[in-house]
Amino acid sequence: MKYSGLRPILWTNQLIETIDFYTKILGFAIAEQNETWGWASLYKDEVEIMLAKPNEHIPFDKPIFTGSFYINTDKVDELWGELKDKVEACYEIEEFEWQMREFAIYDNNGYLIQFGQDISEKM
């Protein structure tokens, strides 16, 4: 058996605003959108996410997630330069002992997104 990918579904009551955040600020593109379903599929390079309004079968007061979404990139400093004045940062760019240079931001719902670049090859 082989797993072939992971596409998280982020729940939001602000679907249009969330689509705008991911497309206009983070540079994602819309693969598919269905307003009747309250759903959209977005992608950027090899990263895919889905956005959805919560359905009536699951209680939903506000977005919650007890982790983060970690996106690897090859130009983390350039990305930080593009985003730092447009988003709410959790922590600014820095190098860590595990050989990653990274930063973290919050999306418009409060979901935590980390961006990192492997710097072990620099050594």
N, C-alpha and C. Protein backbone atom coordinates (compact mmCIF):
# COMPACT_ATOMS: atom_id res chain seq x y z
N MET A 1 0.85 -1.18 0.00
CA MET A 1 0.00 0.00 0.00
C MET A 1 0.89 1.24 0.00
N LYS A 2 0.51 2.23 -0.79
CA LYS A 2 1.28 3.47 -0.90
C LYS A 2 0.36 4.66 -0.65
N TYR A 3 0.79 5.56 0.20
CA TYR A 3 0.08 6.82 0.37
C TYR A 3 0.59 7.76 -0.72
N SER A 4 -0.30 8.51 -1.32
CA SER A 4 0.12 9.32 -2.47
C SER A 4 0.00 10.82 -2.25
N GLY A 5 -0.34 11.24 -1.07
CA GLY A 5 -0.41 12.67 -0.82
C GLY A 5 -1.24 12.97 0.41
N LEU A 6 -1.17 14.20 0.82
CA LEU A 6 -1.95 14.68 1.95
C LEU A 6 -2.49 16.06 1.59
N ARG A 7 -3.79 16.23 1.64
CA ARG A 7 -4.42 17.52 1.38
C ARG A 7 -5.30 17.86 2.57
N PRO A 8 -4.82 18.68 3.46
CA PRO A 8 -5.66 19.04 4.60
C PRO A 8 -6.87 19.86 4.15
N ILE A 9 -7.94 19.72 4.88
CA ILE A 9 -9.13 20.54 4.67
C ILE A 9 -9.23 21.48 5.86
N LEU A 10 -9.14 22.78 5.59
CA LEU A 10 -9.24 23.79 6.63
C LEU A 10 -10.67 24.30 6.66
N TRP A 11 -11.30 24.19 7.81
CA TRP A 11 -12.67 24.68 7.96
C TRP A 11 -12.64 26.17 8.25
N THR A 12 -13.60 26.86 7.68
CA THR A 12 -13.71 28.29 7.89
C THR A 12 -15.12 28.76 7.63
N ASN A 13 -15.55 29.73 8.40
CA ASN A 13 -16.82 30.40 8.12
C ASN A 13 -16.61 31.56 7.15
N GLN A 14 -15.36 31.86 6.85
CA GLN A 14 -14.99 32.98 5.97
C GLN A 14 -14.32 32.43 4.71
N LEU A 15 -15.07 31.68 3.94
CA LEU A 15 -14.50 30.99 2.78
C LEU A 15 -13.88 31.95 1.77
N ILE A 16 -14.60 32.98 1.37
CA ILE A 16 -14.08 33.92 0.37
C ILE A 16 -12.83 34.64 0.88
N GLU A 17 -12.86 35.09 2.13
CA GLU A 17 -11.71 35.77 2.70
C GLU A 17 -10.50 34.84 2.79
N THR A 18 -10.75 33.57 3.09
CA THR A 18 -9.67 32.60 3.20
C THR A 18 -9.09 32.28 1.82
N ILE A 19 -9.95 32.14 0.83
CA ILE A 19 -9.46 31.96 -0.55
C ILE A 19 -8.59 33.16 -0.93
N ASP A 20 -9.04 34.35 -0.62
CA ASP A 20 -8.27 35.56 -0.92
C ASP A 20 -6.92 35.55 -0.22
N PHE A 21 -6.87 35.15 1.05
CA PHE A 21 -5.61 35.11 1.78
C PHE A 21 -4.62 34.19 1.09
N TYR A 22 -5.07 32.97 0.79
CA TYR A 22 -4.17 31.99 0.20
C TYR A 22 -3.78 32.32 -1.24
N THR A 23 -4.68 32.92 -2.00
CA THR A 23 -4.35 33.23 -3.39
C THR A 23 -3.62 34.56 -3.53
N LYS A 24 -4.09 35.59 -2.87
CA LYS A 24 -3.51 36.93 -3.05
C LYS A 24 -2.26 37.16 -2.22
N ILE A 25 -2.17 36.55 -1.05
CA ILE A 25 -1.00 36.77 -0.19
C ILE A 25 0.03 35.65 -0.32
N LEU A 26 -0.43 34.39 -0.31
CA LEU A 26 0.52 33.28 -0.35
C LEU A 26 0.77 32.75 -1.76
N GLY A 27 0.02 33.23 -2.75
CA GLY A 27 0.30 32.85 -4.13
C GLY A 27 -0.27 31.53 -4.59
N PHE A 28 -1.22 30.98 -3.86
CA PHE A 28 -1.88 29.75 -4.29
C PHE A 28 -2.81 30.05 -5.46
N ALA A 29 -3.16 29.03 -6.22
CA ALA A 29 -4.12 29.14 -7.31
C ALA A 29 -5.32 28.27 -6.98
N ILE A 30 -6.47 28.63 -7.52
CA ILE A 30 -7.68 27.85 -7.31
C ILE A 30 -7.72 26.73 -8.35
N ALA A 31 -7.77 25.49 -7.87
CA ALA A 31 -7.91 24.34 -8.77
C ALA A 31 -9.39 24.12 -9.07
N GLU A 32 -10.21 24.30 -8.03
CA GLU A 32 -11.64 24.09 -8.18
C GLU A 32 -12.35 24.81 -7.04
N GLN A 33 -13.53 25.31 -7.32
CA GLN A 33 -14.31 26.00 -6.29
C GLN A 33 -15.79 25.71 -6.54
N ASN A 34 -16.52 25.42 -5.47
CA ASN A 34 -17.95 25.16 -5.58
C ASN A 34 -18.65 25.94 -4.49
N GLU A 35 -19.30 27.03 -4.87
CA GLU A 35 -19.97 27.88 -3.89
C GLU A 35 -21.16 27.19 -3.24
N THR A 36 -21.84 26.32 -3.97
CA THR A 36 -22.98 25.58 -3.41
C THR A 36 -22.53 24.69 -2.27
N TRP A 37 -21.40 24.04 -2.42
CA TRP A 37 -20.85 23.17 -1.38
C TRP A 37 -20.12 23.97 -0.31
N GLY A 38 -19.73 25.22 -0.59
CA GLY A 38 -18.90 25.97 0.34
C GLY A 38 -17.52 25.36 0.45
N TRP A 39 -16.88 25.13 -0.71
CA TRP A 39 -15.64 24.37 -0.76
C TRP A 39 -14.74 24.89 -1.87
N ALA A 40 -13.43 24.78 -1.65
CA ALA A 40 -12.46 25.13 -2.69
C ALA A 40 -11.21 24.27 -2.52
N SER A 41 -10.56 24.01 -3.63
CA SER A 41 -9.29 23.29 -3.64
C SER A 41 -8.24 24.24 -4.21
N LEU A 42 -7.13 24.40 -3.49
CA LEU A 42 -6.07 25.33 -3.88
C LEU A 42 -4.74 24.59 -4.00
N TYR A 43 -3.83 25.15 -4.78
CA TYR A 43 -2.51 24.55 -4.91
C TYR A 43 -1.46 25.62 -5.19
N LYS A 44 -0.25 25.30 -4.82
CA LYS A 44 0.94 26.08 -5.19
C LYS A 44 2.07 25.08 -5.29
N ASP A 45 2.61 24.94 -6.48
CA ASP A 45 3.65 23.96 -6.73
C ASP A 45 3.16 22.58 -6.29
N GLU A 46 3.83 21.94 -5.33
CA GLU A 46 3.45 20.60 -4.89
C GLU A 46 2.59 20.59 -3.63
N VAL A 47 2.14 21.75 -3.18
CA VAL A 47 1.34 21.85 -1.96
C VAL A 47 -0.12 22.05 -2.34
N GLU A 48 -0.99 21.23 -1.75
CA GLU A 48 -2.43 21.34 -1.99
C GLU A 48 -3.16 21.45 -0.67
N ILE A 49 -4.17 22.30 -0.63
CA ILE A 49 -5.06 22.39 0.53
C ILE A 49 -6.48 22.53 0.03
N MET A 50 -7.41 22.15 0.86
CA MET A 50 -8.81 22.38 0.58
C MET A 50 -9.37 23.28 1.67
N LEU A 51 -10.33 24.08 1.31
CA LEU A 51 -11.02 24.95 2.26
C LEU A 51 -12.48 24.59 2.22
N ALA A 52 -13.14 24.61 3.37
CA ALA A 52 -14.56 24.25 3.39
C ALA A 52 -15.27 24.94 4.53
N LYS A 53 -16.50 25.31 4.25
CA LYS A 53 -17.37 25.74 5.33
C LYS A 53 -17.75 24.48 6.09
N PRO A 54 -17.81 24.54 7.41
CA PRO A 54 -18.16 23.35 8.19
C PRO A 54 -19.56 22.86 7.83
N ASN A 55 -19.73 21.55 7.86
CA ASN A 55 -21.07 21.04 7.57
C ASN A 55 -21.90 20.97 8.84
N GLU A 56 -23.16 20.74 8.67
CA GLU A 56 -24.10 20.79 9.80
C GLU A 56 -23.95 19.63 10.77
N HIS A 57 -23.18 18.61 10.42
CA HIS A 57 -23.05 17.41 11.26
C HIS A 57 -21.97 17.54 12.33
N ILE A 58 -21.16 18.57 12.22
CA ILE A 58 -20.05 18.71 13.16
C ILE A 58 -20.12 20.10 13.81
N PRO A 59 -20.12 20.17 15.14
CA PRO A 59 -20.14 21.47 15.79
C PRO A 59 -18.89 22.28 15.41
N PHE A 60 -19.08 23.56 15.12
CA PHE A 60 -17.96 24.40 14.72
C PHE A 60 -18.23 25.82 15.18
N ASP A 61 -17.46 26.27 16.18
CA ASP A 61 -17.58 27.64 16.66
C ASP A 61 -16.53 28.53 16.02
N LYS A 62 -15.30 28.00 15.98
CA LYS A 62 -14.19 28.77 15.42
C LYS A 62 -13.13 27.79 14.95
N PRO A 63 -12.25 28.22 14.05
CA PRO A 63 -11.18 27.34 13.60
C PRO A 63 -10.24 26.96 14.75
N ILE A 64 -9.98 25.69 14.86
CA ILE A 64 -9.01 25.21 15.85
C ILE A 64 -8.18 24.11 15.21
N PHE A 65 -6.94 24.07 15.55
CA PHE A 65 -6.04 23.01 15.10
C PHE A 65 -4.89 23.03 16.09
N THR A 66 -4.56 21.89 16.64
CA THR A 66 -3.56 21.87 17.70
C THR A 66 -2.16 21.60 17.19
N GLY A 67 -1.93 21.94 15.94
CA GLY A 67 -0.61 21.77 15.36
C GLY A 67 -0.35 22.91 14.39
N SER A 68 0.47 22.63 13.41
CA SER A 68 0.75 23.63 12.39
C SER A 68 0.87 22.94 11.04
N PHE A 69 0.84 23.73 10.01
CA PHE A 69 1.07 23.24 8.66
C PHE A 69 2.47 23.71 8.28
N TYR A 70 3.34 22.76 7.92
CA TYR A 70 4.74 23.07 7.65
C TYR A 70 4.98 22.90 6.15
N ILE A 71 5.42 23.99 5.52
CA ILE A 71 5.66 23.98 4.08
C ILE A 71 7.14 24.19 3.84
N ASN A 72 7.76 23.26 3.14
CA ASN A 72 9.16 23.39 2.76
C ASN A 72 9.27 24.29 1.53
N THR A 73 10.31 25.10 1.50
CA THR A 73 10.55 26.00 0.38
C THR A 73 12.04 26.07 0.10
N ASP A 74 12.40 26.50 -1.09
CA ASP A 74 13.82 26.61 -1.42
C ASP A 74 14.33 28.04 -1.29
N LYS A 75 13.44 28.99 -1.00
CA LYS A 75 13.85 30.40 -0.87
C LYS A 75 13.13 31.04 0.32
N VAL A 76 13.41 30.55 1.50
CA VAL A 76 12.69 31.00 2.68
C VAL A 76 12.93 32.47 2.99
N ASP A 77 14.14 32.97 2.77
CA ASP A 77 14.42 34.38 3.05
C ASP A 77 13.64 35.29 2.11
N GLU A 78 13.58 34.91 0.85
CA GLU A 78 12.81 35.68 -0.12
C GLU A 78 11.32 35.69 0.24
N LEU A 79 10.81 34.52 0.63
CA LEU A 79 9.40 34.42 1.01
C LEU A 79 9.12 35.27 2.25
N TRP A 80 10.00 35.21 3.25
CA TRP A 80 9.84 36.03 4.45
C TRP A 80 9.78 37.51 4.07
N GLY A 81 10.67 37.93 3.18
CA GLY A 81 10.68 39.32 2.74
C GLY A 81 9.38 39.75 2.08
N GLU A 82 8.76 38.83 1.34
CA GLU A 82 7.50 39.11 0.67
C GLU A 82 6.32 39.16 1.65
N LEU A 83 6.35 38.34 2.69
CA LEU A 83 5.19 38.17 3.56
C LEU A 83 5.21 38.99 4.85
N LYS A 84 6.37 39.32 5.36
CA LYS A 84 6.48 39.84 6.73
C LYS A 84 5.62 41.05 7.03
N ASP A 85 5.36 41.89 6.05
CA ASP A 85 4.54 43.08 6.29
C ASP A 85 3.07 42.89 5.90
N LYS A 86 2.71 41.70 5.44
CA LYS A 86 1.35 41.43 4.98
C LYS A 86 0.58 40.49 5.89
N VAL A 87 1.28 39.86 6.84
CA VAL A 87 0.67 38.81 7.66
C VAL A 87 1.01 39.02 9.14
N GLU A 88 0.31 38.30 9.98
CA GLU A 88 0.64 38.28 11.40
C GLU A 88 1.66 37.16 11.62
N ALA A 89 2.84 37.51 12.10
CA ALA A 89 3.89 36.53 12.33
C ALA A 89 3.73 35.89 13.70
N CYS A 90 3.98 34.60 13.76
CA CYS A 90 4.08 33.90 15.04
C CYS A 90 5.51 34.05 15.54
N TYR A 91 6.48 33.78 14.65
CA TYR A 91 7.88 34.08 14.93
C TYR A 91 8.57 34.43 13.62
N GLU A 92 9.54 35.33 13.74
CA GLU A 92 10.28 35.81 12.58
C GLU A 92 11.30 34.76 12.13
N ILE A 93 11.88 35.01 10.98
CA ILE A 93 12.82 34.05 10.39
C ILE A 93 14.05 33.87 11.28
N GLU A 94 14.45 32.60 11.42
CA GLU A 94 15.65 32.29 12.18
C GLU A 94 16.15 30.90 11.82
N GLU A 95 17.42 30.65 12.17
CA GLU A 95 18.01 29.34 11.94
C GLU A 95 17.92 28.52 13.22
N PHE A 96 17.62 27.23 13.05
CA PHE A 96 17.48 26.34 14.19
C PHE A 96 18.55 25.25 14.15
N GLU A 97 18.84 24.68 15.30
CA GLU A 97 19.89 23.68 15.42
C GLU A 97 19.60 22.41 14.61
N TRP A 98 18.36 22.22 14.20
CA TRP A 98 18.03 21.05 13.38
C TRP A 98 18.24 21.34 11.88
N GLN A 99 19.02 22.38 11.58
CA GLN A 99 19.45 22.73 10.23
C GLN A 99 18.30 23.20 9.33
N MET A 100 17.36 23.89 9.94
CA MET A 100 16.28 24.51 9.17
C MET A 100 16.28 26.00 9.45
N ARG A 101 16.03 26.77 8.42
CA ARG A 101 15.82 28.21 8.54
C ARG A 101 14.34 28.38 8.28
N GLU A 102 13.62 29.00 9.21
CA GLU A 102 12.17 29.02 9.10
C GLU A 102 11.54 30.21 9.79
N PHE A 103 10.26 30.41 9.48
CA PHE A 103 9.41 31.39 10.15
C PHE A 103 8.00 30.84 10.17
N ALA A 104 7.15 31.48 10.97
CA ALA A 104 5.77 31.02 11.08
C ALA A 104 4.82 32.21 11.08
N ILE A 105 3.67 32.01 10.42
CA ILE A 105 2.65 33.04 10.34
C ILE A 105 1.29 32.44 10.69
N TYR A 106 0.31 33.32 10.88
CA TYR A 106 -1.07 32.89 11.04
C TYR A 106 -1.85 33.28 9.80
N ASP A 107 -2.74 32.40 9.35
CA ASP A 107 -3.61 32.80 8.25
C ASP A 107 -4.75 33.64 8.83
N ASN A 108 -5.68 34.03 8.00
CA ASN A 108 -6.77 34.90 8.44
C ASN A 108 -7.71 34.23 9.44
N ASN A 109 -7.65 32.91 9.58
CA ASN A 109 -8.48 32.19 10.54
C ASN A 109 -7.75 31.91 11.86
N GLY A 110 -6.44 32.11 11.85
CA GLY A 110 -5.64 31.79 13.03
C GLY A 110 -4.90 30.48 12.91
N TYR A 111 -5.00 29.78 11.77
CA TYR A 111 -4.23 28.56 11.56
C TYR A 111 -2.75 28.93 11.45
N LEU A 112 -1.89 28.12 12.06
CA LEU A 112 -0.46 28.37 12.06
C LEU A 112 0.19 27.70 10.85
N ILE A 113 0.95 28.48 10.08
CA ILE A 113 1.65 27.96 8.92
C ILE A 113 3.13 28.28 9.08
N GLN A 114 3.97 27.26 9.01
CA GLN A 114 5.41 27.43 9.10
C GLN A 114 6.02 27.20 7.71
N PHE A 115 7.04 27.98 7.41
CA PHE A 115 7.78 27.84 6.16
C PHE A 115 9.23 27.59 6.51
N GLY A 116 9.84 26.57 5.93
CA GLY A 116 11.21 26.26 6.28
C GLY A 116 12.04 25.81 5.09
N GLN A 117 13.34 26.03 5.22
CA GLN A 117 14.30 25.62 4.21
C GLN A 117 15.44 24.87 4.89
N ASP A 118 15.78 23.71 4.33
CA ASP A 118 16.90 22.92 4.83
C ASP A 118 18.19 23.67 4.51
N ILE A 119 18.98 23.97 5.53
CA ILE A 119 20.23 24.70 5.32
C ILE A 119 21.45 23.81 5.57
N SER A 120 21.24 22.52 5.72
CA SER A 120 22.37 21.62 6.02
C SER A 120 23.37 21.56 4.88
N GLU A 121 22.94 21.83 3.65
CA GLU A 121 23.85 21.78 2.51
C GLU A 121 24.81 22.96 2.48
N LYS A 122 24.47 24.06 3.19
CA LYS A 122 25.36 25.22 3.27
C LYS A 122 26.62 24.92 4.06
N MET A 123 26.52 24.01 4.98
CA MET A 123 27.60 23.74 5.93
C MET A 123 28.78 23.12 5.25
